[in-house]
Amino acid sequence: MTTPAVGVTYEDNPELHHLYHSVELEAAFTGAGRVFGAFIHIDGVERLAGVAIWFEPGKQFLDEYILTIHPPPSAADLVLCYSDEQLGYWASFSNKLDSDTRQWWKEVMLPRYNQLTTEGLGEGVKKGLLHLQVLGIHPDFQRRGVGKALVRYMLVRGDSQGVASCVETAKETNVSFYVGLGFEIKSEKEIPSPYGNFTMWCLRREPNAGKELLCS
């Protein structure tokens, strides 16, 4: 589960990547999101094969901060954006950023990310959708249906409630995976980065879209 959106490569700073994903988990565990794990029984031991983090309508990862087009310039100022538990978790990540990377988050990453979702979904629409924040599968268990099972569970739930779903990804290989589950590409945006530009895609799935694909 690596992402170019962290601002540094995994090889250069694996600790920062691990911390970022820990923040995503901890933020969800505050009650804002829902965390699902898939386990596979091997030789008498249950191994964690994959994890998915979802945010249901009305909730969002680091809500106020992500929706702020011009976030505060420093980690200290970021603290003022929150009034809940997610504050401390995000601060633990932002405090680890060097000044250049923090400036990149402020001036490039977050504004471009906001543009991506606004252009693809509409202003303020994302918070009313079922949002897949994270999908990570252990390399030993990839291409074995684990990711599909983790996504399918909540899509079926959303279908029963008539709720659309959305996801963003920075991996082109993931796009075809989501399209195969009924998602449609709504927008894409190139994001400049000191470690090489990358593209992010925003996808949306209407209730029951590609429903037959969930059963295959």
Protein backbone atom coordinates (compact mmCIF):
# COMPACT_ATOMS: atom_id res chain seq x y z
CA MET A 1 0.00 0.00 0.00
CA THR A 2 2.31 2.73 -1.22
CA THR A 3 1.12 5.97 -2.72
CA PRO A 4 2.95 8.78 -4.57
CA ALA A 5 0.66 11.23 -2.81
CA VAL A 6 2.76 10.94 0.35
CA GLY A 7 5.30 13.21 -1.32
CA VAL A 8 8.39 11.02 -1.04
CA THR A 9 9.22 7.62 -2.49
CA TYR A 10 8.81 4.51 -0.38
CA GLU A 11 12.47 3.64 -0.96
CA ASP A 12 13.60 7.02 0.38
CA ASN A 13 11.36 7.03 3.43
CA PRO A 14 9.42 3.83 4.17
CA GLU A 15 8.75 5.04 7.71
CA LEU A 16 6.79 8.04 6.42
CA HIS A 17 4.69 5.82 4.16
CA HIS A 18 3.92 3.48 7.04
CA LEU A 19 3.02 6.44 9.22
CA TYR A 20 0.67 7.85 6.58
CA HIS A 21 -1.23 4.59 6.35
CA SER A 22 -1.32 4.35 10.14
CA VAL A 23 -2.97 7.77 10.18
CA GLU A 24 -5.60 6.52 7.73
CA LEU A 25 -6.34 3.55 9.97
CA GLU A 26 -6.37 5.51 13.20
CA ALA A 27 -8.58 8.22 11.71
CA ALA A 28 -11.07 5.56 10.65
CA PHE A 29 -10.96 3.91 14.07
CA THR A 30 -12.17 7.15 15.68
CA GLY A 31 -15.59 6.14 14.40
CA ALA A 32 -15.41 8.27 11.28
CA GLY A 33 -14.77 5.29 9.01
CA ARG A 34 -15.13 1.54 8.81
CA VAL A 35 -12.16 -0.82 8.62
CA PHE A 36 -12.42 -4.31 7.14
CA GLY A 37 -9.80 -7.06 7.15
CA ALA A 38 -9.68 -10.20 5.04
CA PHE A 39 -7.98 -13.23 6.59
CA ILE A 40 -6.82 -16.44 4.95
CA HIS A 41 -6.30 -19.63 6.94
CA ILE A 42 -2.90 -21.18 6.15
CA ASP A 43 -1.33 -24.09 8.04
CA GLY A 44 -3.45 -23.48 11.09
CA VAL A 45 -2.72 -19.75 11.17
CA GLU A 46 -4.97 -16.91 10.07
CA ARG A 47 -2.99 -14.40 8.05
CA LEU A 48 -4.15 -10.88 7.25
CA ALA A 49 -4.49 -10.82 3.48
CA GLY A 50 -5.96 -7.37 2.92
CA VAL A 51 -7.48 -4.25 4.43
CA ALA A 52 -10.14 -1.81 3.22
CA ILE A 53 -11.11 1.51 4.78
CA TRP A 54 -14.49 2.97 3.88
CA PHE A 55 -16.21 6.21 4.79
CA GLU A 56 -19.99 6.17 4.63
CA PRO A 57 -22.15 9.14 3.55
CA GLY A 58 -21.80 12.10 5.87
CA LYS A 59 -18.28 11.17 6.94
CA GLN A 60 -14.90 11.74 5.37
CA PHE A 61 -11.19 11.21 6.02
CA LEU A 62 -9.79 14.29 7.78
CA ASP A 63 -12.95 16.06 6.77
CA GLU A 64 -12.20 19.73 7.29
CA TYR A 65 -8.58 19.55 6.17
CA ILE A 66 -9.12 17.64 2.94
CA LEU A 67 -11.87 20.03 1.88
CA THR A 68 -9.74 23.11 2.58
CA ILE A 69 -8.30 24.36 -0.70
CA HIS A 70 -5.76 26.59 1.03
CA PRO A 71 -4.61 24.63 4.10
CA PRO A 72 -2.46 26.31 6.76
CA PRO A 73 1.26 26.44 5.96
CA SER A 74 2.67 24.78 9.05
CA ALA A 75 2.11 21.69 11.15
CA ALA A 76 1.35 23.93 14.12
CA ASP A 77 -1.40 25.70 12.19
CA LEU A 78 -2.83 22.40 11.00
CA VAL A 79 -3.71 21.63 14.58
CA LEU A 80 -6.22 24.46 14.55
CA CYS A 81 -8.24 22.78 11.79
CA TYR A 82 -9.60 19.98 13.95
CA SER A 83 -11.61 19.48 17.06
CA ASP A 84 -11.61 15.70 17.22
CA GLU A 85 -9.30 12.73 17.59
CA GLN A 86 -8.20 12.81 13.97
CA LEU A 87 -6.17 15.93 14.78
CA GLY A 88 -3.50 14.17 16.74
CA TYR A 89 -3.06 11.43 14.18
CA TRP A 90 -2.68 13.85 11.30
CA ALA A 91 -0.27 16.02 13.29
CA SER A 92 1.95 12.98 13.90
CA PHE A 93 2.32 12.69 10.13
CA SER A 94 2.59 16.38 9.25
CA ASN A 95 5.24 16.91 11.93
CA LYS A 96 7.44 14.38 10.14
CA LEU A 97 7.37 16.28 6.85
CA ASP A 98 10.26 18.49 5.89
CA SER A 99 9.43 22.06 4.93
CA ASP A 100 9.57 21.40 1.18
CA THR A 101 7.24 18.40 1.36
CA ARG A 102 4.84 20.25 3.64
CA GLN A 103 4.77 23.12 1.15
CA TRP A 104 4.12 20.61 -1.66
CA TRP A 105 1.13 19.24 0.25
CA LYS A 106 -0.19 22.77 0.78
CA GLU A 107 0.39 24.24 -2.66
CA VAL A 108 0.16 21.23 -4.97
CA MET A 109 -1.17 17.94 -3.61
CA LEU A 110 -4.28 19.05 -1.75
CA PRO A 111 -5.43 21.69 -4.26
CA ARG A 112 -5.01 19.23 -7.16
CA TYR A 113 -6.73 16.47 -5.20
CA ASN A 114 -9.66 18.76 -4.44
CA GLN A 115 -9.88 19.74 -8.10
CA LEU A 116 -9.88 16.07 -9.09
CA THR A 117 -12.84 15.18 -6.89
CA THR A 118 -14.75 18.39 -7.57
CA GLU A 119 -14.39 18.06 -11.34
CA GLY A 120 -15.29 14.39 -11.23
CA LEU A 121 -18.08 14.34 -8.67
CA GLY A 122 -19.24 17.93 -8.22
CA GLU A 123 -18.74 20.46 -5.46
CA GLY A 124 -19.39 18.89 -2.06
CA VAL A 125 -20.84 15.69 -3.57
CA LYS A 126 -18.15 13.30 -2.32
CA LYS A 127 -19.24 13.52 1.31
CA GLY A 128 -22.66 12.18 0.36
CA LEU A 129 -21.20 9.07 -1.26
CA LEU A 130 -19.78 5.80 -0.02
CA HIS A 131 -16.04 6.40 -0.30
CA LEU A 132 -13.30 3.78 -0.51
CA GLN A 133 -10.31 5.46 1.10
CA VAL A 134 -7.87 2.53 1.19
CA LEU A 135 -7.62 -0.90 -0.38
CA GLY A 136 -4.41 -2.78 0.36
CA ILE A 137 -3.65 -6.42 -0.38
CA HIS A 138 -0.58 -8.29 0.88
CA PRO A 139 1.65 -9.27 -2.08
CA ASP A 140 1.34 -12.96 -1.14
CA PHE A 141 -2.42 -12.83 -1.63
CA GLN A 142 -2.86 -10.62 -4.67
CA ARG A 143 -4.90 -11.87 -7.64
CA ARG A 144 -6.79 -14.27 -5.40
CA GLY A 145 -10.04 -12.32 -5.14
CA VAL A 146 -9.23 -10.70 -1.79
CA GLY A 147 -9.50 -7.12 -3.05
CA LYS A 148 -12.73 -7.84 -4.89
CA ALA A 149 -14.25 -9.39 -1.77
CA LEU A 150 -13.33 -6.37 0.37
CA VAL A 151 -14.83 -3.94 -2.15
CA ARG A 152 -17.86 -6.07 -2.97
CA TYR A 153 -19.04 -6.24 0.64
CA MET A 154 -19.67 -2.51 0.90
CA LEU A 155 -20.86 -2.11 -2.69
CA VAL A 156 -23.63 -4.63 -2.05
CA ARG A 157 -24.52 -2.70 1.09
CA GLY A 158 -24.55 0.57 -0.85
CA ASP A 159 -26.69 -0.97 -3.57
CA SER A 160 -29.29 -2.02 -1.02
CA GLN A 161 -29.45 1.56 0.26
CA GLY A 162 -29.38 3.22 -3.16
CA VAL A 163 -26.07 4.95 -2.41
CA ALA A 164 -23.43 5.66 -5.06
CA SER A 165 -19.75 4.97 -4.39
CA CYS A 166 -16.48 6.68 -5.28
CA VAL A 167 -12.76 6.00 -5.13
CA GLU A 168 -9.54 7.73 -6.16
CA THR A 169 -6.40 5.92 -7.24
CA ALA A 170 -2.91 6.81 -8.39
CA LYS A 171 -2.28 3.42 -10.02
CA GLU A 172 -3.43 2.85 -13.59
CA THR A 173 -3.69 -0.91 -12.99
CA ASN A 174 -6.27 -0.21 -10.31
CA VAL A 175 -8.48 1.68 -12.75
CA SER A 176 -9.39 -1.45 -14.73
CA PHE A 177 -10.04 -3.30 -11.46
CA TYR A 178 -12.59 -0.71 -10.35
CA VAL A 179 -14.14 -0.41 -13.82
CA GLY A 180 -14.66 -4.16 -13.66
CA LEU A 181 -16.80 -3.60 -10.57
CA GLY A 182 -19.05 -1.04 -12.22
CA PHE A 183 -17.11 2.17 -11.55
CA GLU A 184 -16.70 4.81 -14.25
CA ILE A 185 -13.82 7.26 -14.64
CA LYS A 186 -15.10 10.75 -13.90
CA SER A 187 -11.89 12.76 -13.90
CA GLU A 188 -8.13 12.44 -13.99
CA LYS A 189 -5.40 14.89 -13.13
CA GLU A 190 -1.63 14.96 -13.38
CA ILE A 191 0.01 15.99 -10.13
CA PRO A 192 3.55 17.41 -10.19
CA SER A 193 5.88 15.93 -7.60
CA PRO A 194 9.58 16.35 -6.76
CA TYR A 195 9.90 12.58 -7.24
CA GLY A 196 8.17 12.47 -10.61
CA ASN A 197 4.74 13.54 -11.78
CA PHE A 198 1.90 11.08 -11.32
CA THR A 199 -1.72 10.80 -12.39
CA MET A 200 -4.72 10.35 -10.14
CA TRP A 201 -8.13 9.11 -11.26
CA CYS A 202 -11.50 9.70 -9.65
CA LEU A 203 -14.15 7.04 -10.27
CA ARG A 204 -17.81 6.79 -9.36
CA ARG A 205 -20.21 3.86 -9.31
CA GLU A 206 -23.97 4.27 -9.37
CA PRO A 207 -26.09 1.91 -7.23
CA ASN A 208 -26.37 -1.53 -8.87
CA ALA A 209 -24.04 -0.57 -11.74
CA GLY A 210 -22.34 -3.72 -12.98
CA LYS A 211 -24.16 -5.66 -10.27
CA GLU A 212 -23.70 -8.91 -12.16
CA LEU A 213 -19.94 -8.40 -12.00
CA LEU A 214 -20.02 -8.57 -8.21
CA CYS A 215 -21.16 -12.18 -8.40
CA SER A 216 -18.55 -13.38 -10.86
